[in-house]
Amino acid sequence: MKSRNLCLTIIFSVVIALLLIYHLPNNTKELLVLRSDSLNIFALFSCHFVHEDFANHLLPNILAYFVAVLLLYWVLNMLNERRFFYKLFAFNCLAMPFILSLVWIGACTFWNAQTRSYGFSGITSAFLGALIFAYVLFLHKTLKLDTCYAYLSAIFLAALLFTLTYFTPTVTVIATAIALLAVFGTLAYKTVKSIDPQARNKLLEKIKNPKIAAITADLLLLSLYLVIFLLSLSLFPTQIVQGNTTVNILIHYAGFVLGIGNAQLIWQYFHKAPVKA
């Protein structure tokens, strides 16, 4: 009970901070926004908690954040990984803002863009990415599959979906999409082959219906890629301008992919060895 109360307190503290910052005077909030032509070290962090529109920006971010972080806690708690949840939470809220801001600055420098960046969607995307890894961890503990193949296949699927959504079909783009599809397919195949036969049989023994048992392991893995596809519909919207807000699709993509990758790295670091079957 104490652990659950602590979790809820931490989760809601972020929402309270977002609401308090939203109600700051506009000129104060402007100081917290990150600008590509006027870099501010503090703004690298603060910009991710600033919103100018409630209905089309702040509210959707809060709702998505609640869904992502509560599901993340539920899955990791079920796997007896509550400490891992707190590590991920701290990293995504304290370190990820700096990482995403640096990615955005690099992109603006490359494309010579003069623009502003603000909003919590990158952090929310990181939590959704962490949720994907939490499901990968569930698959590892259930089927003993190799998490490295699983999370890499998830990242390449996200890259493929991003490419198909936003890039105009050209020879280069089509070749890139085919390459991403080939890499994803190879990694997904490796993920399937890494499933431990004994773990699969142990799972099948728990299922009385033989028809369901025969496809359970495959459905569990297929669900991973299906969830990524469904998440991409909201993370990578075809309509970039929504109300008074322009969706920062680069931050969405970077947050999601880094959320998966960083969760894997944090897991390996604190468990002192790669998670393999």
C-alpha atoms as a PDB file:
ATOM      1  CA  MET A   1       0.000   0.000   0.000  1.00  0.00           C
ATOM      2  CA  LYS A   2       2.823   2.411   0.886  1.00  0.00           C
ATOM      3  CA  SER A   3       4.546   1.662  -2.409  1.00  0.00           C
ATOM      4  CA  ARG A   4       1.339   2.315  -4.339  1.00  0.00           C
ATOM      5  CA  ASN A   5       0.723   5.588  -2.518  1.00  0.00           C
ATOM      6  CA  LEU A   6       4.284   6.697  -3.179  1.00  0.00           C
ATOM      7  CA  CYS A   7       3.873   5.853  -6.862  1.00  0.00           C
ATOM      8  CA  LEU A   8       0.625   7.826  -7.157  1.00  0.00           C
ATOM      9  CA  THR A   9       2.152  10.778  -5.313  1.00  0.00           C
ATOM     10  CA  ILE A  10       5.086  10.907  -7.713  1.00  0.00           C
ATOM     11  CA  ILE A  11       2.872  10.519 -10.765  1.00  0.00           C
ATOM     12  CA  PHE A  12       0.472  13.270  -9.702  1.00  0.00           C
ATOM     13  CA  SER A  13       3.301  15.610  -8.707  1.00  0.00           C
ATOM     14  CA  VAL A  14       4.292  15.861 -12.364  1.00  0.00           C
ATOM     15  CA  VAL A  15       0.730  16.759 -13.355  1.00  0.00           C
ATOM     16  CA  ILE A  16       0.580  19.428 -10.647  1.00  0.00           C
ATOM     17  CA  ALA A  17       3.853  20.895 -11.918  1.00  0.00           C
ATOM     18  CA  LEU A  18       2.493  20.971 -15.476  1.00  0.00           C
ATOM     19  CA  LEU A  19      -0.681  22.758 -14.361  1.00  0.00           C
ATOM     20  CA  LEU A  20       1.215  25.287 -12.251  1.00  0.00           C
ATOM     21  CA  ILE A  21       3.567  26.127 -15.119  1.00  0.00           C
ATOM     22  CA  TYR A  22       0.627  26.412 -17.525  1.00  0.00           C
ATOM     23  CA  HIS A  23      -0.904  29.128 -15.342  1.00  0.00           C
ATOM     24  CA  LEU A  24       2.265  31.204 -15.199  1.00  0.00           C
ATOM     25  CA  PRO A  25       2.173  34.593 -16.991  1.00  0.00           C
ATOM     26  CA  ASN A  26       2.920  34.299 -20.705  1.00  0.00           C
ATOM     27  CA  ASN A  27       6.071  36.381 -20.479  1.00  0.00           C
ATOM     28  CA  THR A  28       7.394  34.067 -17.753  1.00  0.00           C
ATOM     29  CA  LYS A  29       6.576  30.957 -19.751  1.00  0.00           C
ATOM     30  CA  GLU A  30       8.361  32.442 -22.743  1.00  0.00           C
ATOM     31  CA  LEU A  31      11.567  32.425 -20.707  1.00  0.00           C
ATOM     32  CA  LEU A  32      11.172  28.666 -20.219  1.00  0.00           C
ATOM     33  CA  VAL A  33      10.718  27.891 -23.933  1.00  0.00           C
ATOM     34  CA  LEU A  34      13.693  26.573 -25.891  1.00  0.00           C
ATOM     35  CA  ARG A  35      14.686  28.600 -28.962  1.00  0.00           C
ATOM     36  CA  SER A  36      16.989  27.338 -31.662  1.00  0.00           C
ATOM     37  CA  ASP A  37      18.508  30.812 -32.143  1.00  0.00           C
ATOM     38  CA  SER A  38      18.975  31.630 -28.437  1.00  0.00           C
ATOM     39  CA  LEU A  39      20.051  28.639 -26.394  1.00  0.00           C
ATOM     40  CA  ASN A  40      19.449  28.601 -22.660  1.00  0.00           C
ATOM     41  CA  ILE A  41      20.795  25.734 -20.540  1.00  0.00           C
ATOM     42  CA  PHE A  42      17.844  25.826 -18.145  1.00  0.00           C
ATOM     43  CA  ALA A  43      15.414  25.915 -21.085  1.00  0.00           C
ATOM     44  CA  LEU A  44      16.833  22.576 -22.270  1.00  0.00           C
ATOM     45  CA  PHE A  45      14.934  21.127 -19.311  1.00  0.00           C
ATOM     46  CA  SER A  46      12.097  23.556 -18.638  1.00  0.00           C
ATOM     47  CA  CYS A  47      10.715  23.713 -22.199  1.00  0.00           C
ATOM     48  CA  HIS A  48       9.286  20.207 -21.866  1.00  0.00           C
ATOM     49  CA  PHE A  49       6.906  21.329 -19.120  1.00  0.00           C
ATOM     50  CA  VAL A  50       5.530  24.431 -20.885  1.00  0.00           C
ATOM     51  CA  HIS A  51       2.191  24.541 -22.739  1.00  0.00           C
ATOM     52  CA  GLU A  52       0.351  27.451 -24.346  1.00  0.00           C
ATOM     53  CA  ASP A  53      -2.888  25.655 -25.243  1.00  0.00           C
ATOM     54  CA  PHE A  54      -4.877  23.598 -22.743  1.00  0.00           C
ATOM     55  CA  ALA A  55      -7.447  21.695 -24.806  1.00  0.00           C
ATOM     56  CA  ASN A  56      -5.246  20.784 -27.785  1.00  0.00           C
ATOM     57  CA  HIS A  57      -1.872  20.394 -26.069  1.00  0.00           C
ATOM     58  CA  LEU A  58      -1.703  20.146 -22.276  1.00  0.00           C
ATOM     59  CA  LEU A  59      -4.818  18.005 -21.705  1.00  0.00           C
ATOM     60  CA  PRO A  60      -3.940  15.361 -24.356  1.00  0.00           C
ATOM     61  CA  ASN A  61      -0.405  15.192 -22.959  1.00  0.00           C
ATOM     62  CA  ILE A  62      -1.660  14.691 -19.400  1.00  0.00           C
ATOM     63  CA  LEU A  63      -4.125  11.978 -20.451  1.00  0.00           C
ATOM     64  CA  ALA A  64      -1.498  10.155 -22.523  1.00  0.00           C
ATOM     65  CA  TYR A  65       0.970  10.485 -19.648  1.00  0.00           C
ATOM     66  CA  PHE A  66      -1.503   8.945 -17.198  1.00  0.00           C
ATOM     67  CA  VAL A  67      -2.213   6.002 -19.498  1.00  0.00           C
ATOM     68  CA  ALA A  68       1.465   5.356 -20.218  1.00  0.00           C
ATOM     69  CA  VAL A  69       2.840   5.700 -16.703  1.00  0.00           C
ATOM     70  CA  LEU A  70       0.029   3.817 -14.937  1.00  0.00           C
ATOM     71  CA  LEU A  71       0.285   0.908 -17.391  1.00  0.00           C
ATOM     72  CA  LEU A  72       4.064   0.981 -17.009  1.00  0.00           C
ATOM     73  CA  TYR A  73       3.738   0.742 -13.230  1.00  0.00           C
ATOM     74  CA  TRP A  74       1.127  -2.028 -13.479  1.00  0.00           C
ATOM     75  CA  VAL A  75       3.283  -4.197 -15.775  1.00  0.00           C
ATOM     76  CA  LEU A  76       6.504  -3.692 -13.805  1.00  0.00           C
ATOM     77  CA  ASN A  77       4.720  -4.205 -10.485  1.00  0.00           C
ATOM     78  CA  MET A  78       3.298  -7.457 -11.839  1.00  0.00           C
ATOM     79  CA  LEU A  79       6.878  -8.477 -12.716  1.00  0.00           C
ATOM     80  CA  ASN A  80       8.109  -7.445  -9.232  1.00  0.00           C
ATOM     81  CA  GLU A  81      10.163  -4.646 -10.792  1.00  0.00           C
ATOM     82  CA  ARG A  82       8.930  -1.635  -8.832  1.00  0.00           C
ATOM     83  CA  ARG A  83      12.459  -0.319  -8.307  1.00  0.00           C
ATOM     84  CA  PHE A  84      13.017  -0.450 -12.041  1.00  0.00           C
ATOM     85  CA  PHE A  85       9.876   1.661 -12.485  1.00  0.00           C
ATOM     86  CA  TYR A  86      11.221   4.389 -10.194  1.00  0.00           C
ATOM     87  CA  LYS A  87      14.551   4.403 -12.037  1.00  0.00           C
ATOM     88  CA  LEU A  88      12.766   4.769 -15.381  1.00  0.00           C
ATOM     89  CA  PHE A  89      10.488   7.451 -14.003  1.00  0.00           C
ATOM     90  CA  ALA A  90      13.384   9.494 -12.640  1.00  0.00           C
ATOM     91  CA  PHE A  91      15.376   9.150 -15.856  1.00  0.00           C
ATOM     92  CA  ASN A  92      12.480  10.111 -18.133  1.00  0.00           C
ATOM     93  CA  CYS A  93      11.530  13.148 -16.040  1.00  0.00           C
ATOM     94  CA  LEU A  94      15.007  14.427 -15.149  1.00  0.00           C
ATOM     95  CA  ALA A  95      17.460  13.308 -17.856  1.00  0.00           C
ATOM     96  CA  MET A  96      15.303  12.723 -20.935  1.00  0.00           C
ATOM     97  CA  PRO A  97      14.356  16.434 -21.302  1.00  0.00           C
ATOM     98  CA  PHE A  98      18.024  17.351 -21.835  1.00  0.00           C
ATOM     99  CA  ILE A  99      18.566  14.493 -24.296  1.00  0.00           C
ATOM    100  CA  LEU A 100      15.491  15.366 -26.379  1.00  0.00           C
ATOM    101  CA  SER A 101      16.404  19.061 -26.409  1.00  0.00           C
ATOM    102  CA  LEU A 102      19.885  18.258 -27.704  1.00  0.00           C
ATOM    103  CA  VAL A 103      18.362  16.062 -30.427  1.00  0.00           C
ATOM    104  CA  TRP A 104      16.051  18.926 -31.397  1.00  0.00           C
ATOM    105  CA  ILE A 105      18.917  21.458 -31.439  1.00  0.00           C
ATOM    106  CA  GLY A 106      20.944  19.137 -33.642  1.00  0.00           C
ATOM    107  CA  ALA A 107      18.040  18.789 -36.063  1.00  0.00           C
ATOM    108  CA  CYS A 108      17.480  22.562 -36.167  1.00  0.00           C
ATOM    109  CA  THR A 109      21.181  23.128 -36.843  1.00  0.00           C
ATOM    110  CA  PHE A 110      21.195  20.531 -39.620  1.00  0.00           C
ATOM    111  CA  TRP A 111      18.132  22.015 -41.346  1.00  0.00           C
ATOM    112  CA  ASN A 112      19.025  25.601 -40.403  1.00  0.00           C
ATOM    113  CA  ALA A 113      15.589  26.040 -38.777  1.00  0.00           C
ATOM    114  CA  GLN A 114      14.668  28.981 -36.544  1.00  0.00           C
ATOM    115  CA  THR A 115      11.880  27.820 -34.258  1.00  0.00           C
ATOM    116  CA  ARG A 116      10.727  27.188 -30.681  1.00  0.00           C
ATOM    117  CA  SER A 117      10.232  23.941 -28.790  1.00  0.00           C
ATOM    118  CA  TYR A 118       7.975  23.275 -25.809  1.00  0.00           C
ATOM    119  CA  GLY A 119       5.560  20.644 -24.502  1.00  0.00           C
ATOM    120  CA  PHE A 120       5.489  17.384 -22.549  1.00  0.00           C
ATOM    121  CA  SER A 121       4.805  15.087 -25.504  1.00  0.00           C
ATOM    122  CA  GLY A 122       8.447  13.997 -25.832  1.00  0.00           C
ATOM    123  CA  ILE A 123       8.479  12.802 -22.221  1.00  0.00           C
ATOM    124  CA  THR A 124       5.121  11.094 -22.689  1.00  0.00           C
ATOM    125  CA  SER A 125       6.507   9.363 -25.790  1.00  0.00           C
ATOM    126  CA  ALA A 126       9.472   8.190 -23.711  1.00  0.00           C
ATOM    127  CA  PHE A 127       7.101   6.631 -21.177  1.00  0.00           C
ATOM    128  CA  LEU A 128       5.255   4.888 -24.007  1.00  0.00           C
ATOM    129  CA  GLY A 129       8.602   3.580 -25.257  1.00  0.00           C
ATOM    130  CA  ALA A 130       9.427   2.365 -21.746  1.00  0.00           C
ATOM    131  CA  LEU A 131       6.034   0.637 -21.696  1.00  0.00           C
ATOM    132  CA  ILE A 132       7.017  -1.235 -24.865  1.00  0.00           C
ATOM    133  CA  PHE A 133      10.192  -2.426 -23.165  1.00  0.00           C
ATOM    134  CA  ALA A 134       8.194  -3.429 -20.082  1.00  0.00           C
ATOM    135  CA  TYR A 135       6.118  -5.684 -22.340  1.00  0.00           C
ATOM    136  CA  VAL A 136       9.337  -7.036 -23.852  1.00  0.00           C
ATOM    137  CA  LEU A 137      10.478  -7.806 -20.311  1.00  0.00           C
ATOM    138  CA  PHE A 138       7.190  -9.610 -19.712  1.00  0.00           C
ATOM    139  CA  LEU A 139       7.816 -11.682 -22.853  1.00  0.00           C
ATOM    140  CA  HIS A 140      11.336 -12.438 -21.656  1.00  0.00           C
ATOM    141  CA  LYS A 141      10.127 -13.705 -18.291  1.00  0.00           C
ATOM    142  CA  THR A 142       7.307 -15.653 -19.929  1.00  0.00           C
ATOM    143  CA  LEU A 143       9.034 -17.083 -23.005  1.00  0.00           C
ATOM    144  CA  LYS A 144      12.729 -16.424 -22.230  1.00  0.00           C
ATOM    145  CA  LEU A 145      13.172 -14.602 -25.536  1.00  0.00           C
ATOM    146  CA  ASP A 146      16.180 -12.363 -26.200  1.00  0.00           C
ATOM    147  CA  THR A 147      15.223  -8.796 -25.274  1.00  0.00           C
ATOM    148  CA  CYS A 148      17.965  -7.348 -27.465  1.00  0.00           C
ATOM    149  CA  TYR A 149      16.365  -8.696 -30.649  1.00  0.00           C
ATOM    150  CA  ALA A 150      12.901  -7.745 -29.399  1.00  0.00           C
ATOM    151  CA  TYR A 151      13.654  -4.113 -28.569  1.00  0.00           C
ATOM    152  CA  LEU A 152      15.760  -3.582 -31.721  1.00  0.00           C
ATOM    153  CA  SER A 153      12.933  -4.953 -33.864  1.00  0.00           C
ATOM    154  CA  ALA A 154      10.561  -2.541 -32.085  1.00  0.00           C
ATOM    155  CA  ILE A 155      12.857   0.406 -32.830  1.00  0.00           C
ATOM    156  CA  PHE A 156      13.190  -0.478 -36.514  1.00  0.00           C
ATOM    157  CA  LEU A 157       9.433  -0.947 -36.837  1.00  0.00           C
ATOM    158  CA  ALA A 158       8.947   2.552 -35.382  1.00  0.00           C
ATOM    159  CA  ALA A 159      11.494   3.921 -37.865  1.00  0.00           C
ATOM    160  CA  LEU A 160       9.680   2.212 -40.733  1.00  0.00           C
ATOM    161  CA  LEU A 161       6.292   3.597 -39.678  1.00  0.00           C
ATOM    162  CA  PHE A 162       7.763   7.086 -39.258  1.00  0.00           C
ATOM    163  CA  THR A 163       9.309   6.933 -42.746  1.00  0.00           C
ATOM    164  CA  LEU A 164       6.096   5.721 -44.385  1.00  0.00           C
ATOM    165  CA  THR A 165       4.056   8.423 -42.616  1.00  0.00           C
ATOM    166  CA  TYR A 166       6.096  11.555 -43.302  1.00  0.00           C
ATOM    167  CA  PHE A 167       8.351  11.098 -46.313  1.00  0.00           C
ATOM    168  CA  THR A 168       7.224  11.609 -49.901  1.00  0.00           C
ATOM    169  CA  PRO A 169       7.826   8.436 -51.934  1.00  0.00           C
ATOM    170  CA  THR A 170      11.045   8.803 -53.922  1.00  0.00           C
ATOM    171  CA  VAL A 171      13.605   6.253 -55.007  1.00  0.00           C
ATOM    172  CA  THR A 172      15.695   7.015 -51.918  1.00  0.00           C
ATOM    173  CA  VAL A 173      12.740   6.871 -49.532  1.00  0.00           C
ATOM    174  CA  ILE A 174      11.439   3.626 -51.044  1.00  0.00           C
ATOM    175  CA  ALA A 175      14.911   2.070 -50.815  1.00  0.00           C
ATOM    176  CA  THR A 176      15.174   3.225 -47.188  1.00  0.00           C
ATOM    177  CA  ALA A 177      11.748   1.787 -46.373  1.00  0.00           C
ATOM    178  CA  ILE A 178      12.662  -1.550 -47.962  1.00  0.00           C
ATOM    179  CA  ALA A 179      15.921  -1.638 -45.998  1.00  0.00           C
ATOM    180  CA  LEU A 180      14.108  -0.854 -42.730  1.00  0.00           C
ATOM    181  CA  LEU A 181      11.512  -3.530 -43.501  1.00  0.00           C
ATOM    182  CA  ALA A 182      14.257  -6.070 -44.193  1.00  0.00           C
ATOM    183  CA  VAL A 183      16.083  -5.273 -40.955  1.00  0.00           C
ATOM    184  CA  PHE A 184      12.838  -5.335 -38.971  1.00  0.00           C
ATOM    185  CA  GLY A 185      11.844  -8.655 -40.523  1.00  0.00           C
ATOM    186  CA  THR A 186      15.224 -10.182 -39.728  1.00  0.00           C
ATOM    187  CA  LEU A 187      15.161  -8.979 -36.121  1.00  0.00           C
ATOM    188  CA  ALA A 188      11.558 -10.125 -35.644  1.00  0.00           C
ATOM    189  CA  TYR A 189      12.521 -13.558 -37.001  1.00  0.00           C
ATOM    190  CA  LYS A 190      15.499 -13.662 -34.613  1.00  0.00           C
ATOM    191  CA  THR A 191      13.166 -12.721 -31.772  1.00  0.00           C
ATOM    192  CA  VAL A 192      10.831 -15.606 -32.590  1.00  0.00           C
ATOM    193  CA  LYS A 193      13.730 -18.058 -32.862  1.00  0.00           C
ATOM    194  CA  SER A 194      15.108 -16.916 -29.495  1.00  0.00           C
ATOM    195  CA  ILE A 195      12.016 -18.181 -27.652  1.00  0.00           C
ATOM    196  CA  ASP A 196      13.022 -20.976 -25.311  1.00  0.00           C
ATOM    197  CA  PRO A 197      11.180 -24.223 -26.217  1.00  0.00           C
ATOM    198  CA  GLN A 198      10.891 -25.272 -22.568  1.00  0.00           C
ATOM    199  CA  ALA A 199       9.398 -21.908 -21.609  1.00  0.00           C
ATOM    200  CA  ARG A 200       6.969 -22.184 -24.527  1.00  0.00           C
ATOM    201  CA  ASN A 201       5.901 -25.690 -23.463  1.00  0.00           C
ATOM    202  CA  LYS A 202       5.511 -24.569 -19.861  1.00  0.00           C
ATOM    203  CA  LEU A 203       3.198 -21.777 -21.002  1.00  0.00           C
ATOM    204  CA  LEU A 204       1.193 -24.151 -23.190  1.00  0.00           C
ATOM    205  CA  GLU A 205       0.673 -26.538 -20.282  1.00  0.00           C
ATOM    206  CA  LYS A 206      -1.199 -23.790 -18.421  1.00  0.00           C
ATOM    207  CA  ILE A 207      -3.714 -23.366 -21.256  1.00  0.00           C
ATOM    208  CA  LYS A 208      -6.421 -26.009 -21.446  1.00  0.00           C
ATOM    209  CA  ASN A 209      -7.720 -25.186 -24.923  1.00  0.00           C
ATOM    210  CA  PRO A 210      -5.258 -26.830 -27.376  1.00  0.00           C
ATOM    211  CA  LYS A 211      -6.183 -24.540 -30.284  1.00  0.00           C
ATOM    212  CA  ILE A 212      -5.504 -21.410 -28.228  1.00  0.00           C
ATOM    213  CA  ALA A 213      -2.388 -22.965 -26.724  1.00  0.00           C
ATOM    214  CA  ALA A 214      -0.888 -23.608 -30.151  1.00  0.00           C
ATOM    215  CA  ILE A 215      -0.868 -19.911 -31.092  1.00  0.00           C
ATOM    216  CA  THR A 216      -0.480 -18.250 -27.671  1.00  0.00           C
ATOM    217  CA  ALA A 217       3.271 -17.627 -27.860  1.00  0.00           C
ATOM    218  CA  ASP A 218       3.030 -16.227 -31.371  1.00  0.00           C
ATOM    219  CA  LEU A 219       0.102 -13.991 -30.405  1.00  0.00           C
ATOM    220  CA  LEU A 220       2.002 -12.603 -27.413  1.00  0.00           C
ATOM    221  CA  LEU A 221       4.879 -11.590 -29.675  1.00  0.00           C
ATOM    222  CA  LEU A 222       2.590 -10.322 -32.435  1.00  0.00           C
ATOM    223  CA  SER A 223       0.871  -8.121 -29.850  1.00  0.00           C
ATOM    224  CA  LEU A 224       4.169  -6.267 -29.340  1.00  0.00           C
ATOM    225  CA  TYR A 225       4.260  -5.119 -32.957  1.00  0.00           C
ATOM    226  CA  LEU A 226       0.524  -4.477 -33.072  1.00  0.00           C
ATOM    227  CA  VAL A 227       0.763  -2.141 -30.059  1.00  0.00           C
ATOM    228  CA  ILE A 228       3.637  -0.241 -31.686  1.00  0.00           C
ATOM    229  CA  PHE A 229       1.556   0.181 -34.843  1.00  0.00           C
ATOM    230  CA  LEU A 230      -1.447   1.444 -32.849  1.00  0.00           C
ATOM    231  CA  LEU A 231       0.723   3.846 -30.844  1.00  0.00           C
ATOM    232  CA  SER A 232       2.195   5.204 -34.073  1.00  0.00           C
ATOM    233  CA  LEU A 233      -1.266   6.391 -35.110  1.00  0.00           C
ATOM    234  CA  SER A 234      -1.223   8.907 -32.247  1.00  0.00           C
ATOM    235  CA  LEU A 235       2.524   9.529 -31.961  1.00  0.00           C
ATOM    236  CA  PHE A 236       2.946  10.141 -35.693  1.00  0.00           C
ATOM    237  CA  PRO A 237      -0.258  11.964 -36.757  1.00  0.00           C
ATOM    238  CA  THR A 238      -0.670  12.775 -40.437  1.00  0.00           C
ATOM    239  CA  GLN A 239      -2.288  16.077 -39.402  1.00  0.00           C
ATOM    240  CA  ILE A 240       0.651  17.917 -37.842  1.00  0.00           C
ATOM    241  CA  VAL A 241      -1.215  21.170 -37.086  1.00  0.00           C
ATOM    242  CA  GLN A 242      -3.875  20.565 -34.421  1.00  0.00           C
ATOM    243  CA  GLY A 243      -5.753  23.649 -33.244  1.00  0.00           C
ATOM    244  CA  ASN A 244      -3.202  26.274 -32.270  1.00  0.00           C
ATOM    245  CA  THR A 245      -0.460  23.694 -31.810  1.00  0.00           C
ATOM    246  CA  THR A 246       2.036  22.213 -34.265  1.00  0.00           C
ATOM    247  CA  VAL A 247       2.982  18.658 -33.354  1.00  0.00           C
ATOM    248  CA  ASN A 248       6.740  18.206 -32.950  1.00  0.00           C
ATOM    249  CA  ILE A 249       6.913  14.839 -34.697  1.00  0.00           C
ATOM    250  CA  LEU A 250      10.693  14.628 -34.353  1.00  0.00           C
ATOM    251  CA  ILE A 251      10.448  14.856 -30.552  1.00  0.00           C
ATOM    252  CA  HIS A 252       7.629  12.293 -30.582  1.00  0.00           C
ATOM    253  CA  TYR A 253       9.762   9.848 -32.550  1.00  0.00           C
ATOM    254  CA  ALA A 254      12.970  10.515 -30.598  1.00  0.00           C
ATOM    255  CA  GLY A 255      11.170  10.212 -27.261  1.00  0.00           C
ATOM    256  CA  PHE A 256       9.532   6.920 -28.223  1.00  0.00           C
ATOM    257  CA  VAL A 257      12.677   5.296 -29.608  1.00  0.00           C
ATOM    258  CA  LEU A 258      14.917   6.586 -26.818  1.00  0.00           C
ATOM    259  CA  GLY A 259      12.304   5.479 -24.290  1.00  0.00           C
ATOM    260  CA  ILE A 260      12.646   1.897 -25.551  1.00  0.00           C
ATOM    261  CA  GLY A 261      16.427   1.975 -25.889  1.00  0.00           C
ATOM    262  CA  ASN A 262      17.152   3.718 -22.594  1.00  0.00           C
ATOM    263  CA  ALA A 263      14.888   1.319 -20.711  1.00  0.00           C
ATOM    264  CA  GLN A 264      16.925  -1.565 -22.114  1.00  0.00           C
ATOM    265  CA  LEU A 265      20.221   0.117 -21.188  1.00  0.00           C
ATOM    266  CA  ILE A 266      19.054   1.014 -17.678  1.00  0.00           C
ATOM    267  CA  TRP A 267      17.846  -2.534 -17.148  1.00  0.00           C
ATOM    268  CA  GLN A 268      21.156  -4.002 -18.287  1.00  0.00           C
ATOM    269  CA  TYR A 269      23.192  -1.557 -16.198  1.00  0.00           C
ATOM    270  CA  PHE A 270      21.406  -2.256 -12.931  1.00  0.00           C
ATOM    271  CA  HIS A 271      21.231  -5.984 -13.542  1.00  0.00           C
ATOM    272  CA  LYS A 272      24.924  -6.090 -14.466  1.00  0.00           C
ATOM    273  CA  ALA A 273      24.401  -8.283 -17.509  1.00  0.00           C
ATOM    274  CA  PRO A 274      22.399  -8.321 -20.758  1.00  0.00           C
ATOM    275  CA  VAL A 275      19.009  -9.975 -20.502  1.00  0.00           C
ATOM    276  CA  LYS A 276      19.222 -13.063 -22.660  1.00  0.00           C
ATOM    277  CA  ALA A 277      17.455 -16.381 -22.788  1.00  0.00           C
END
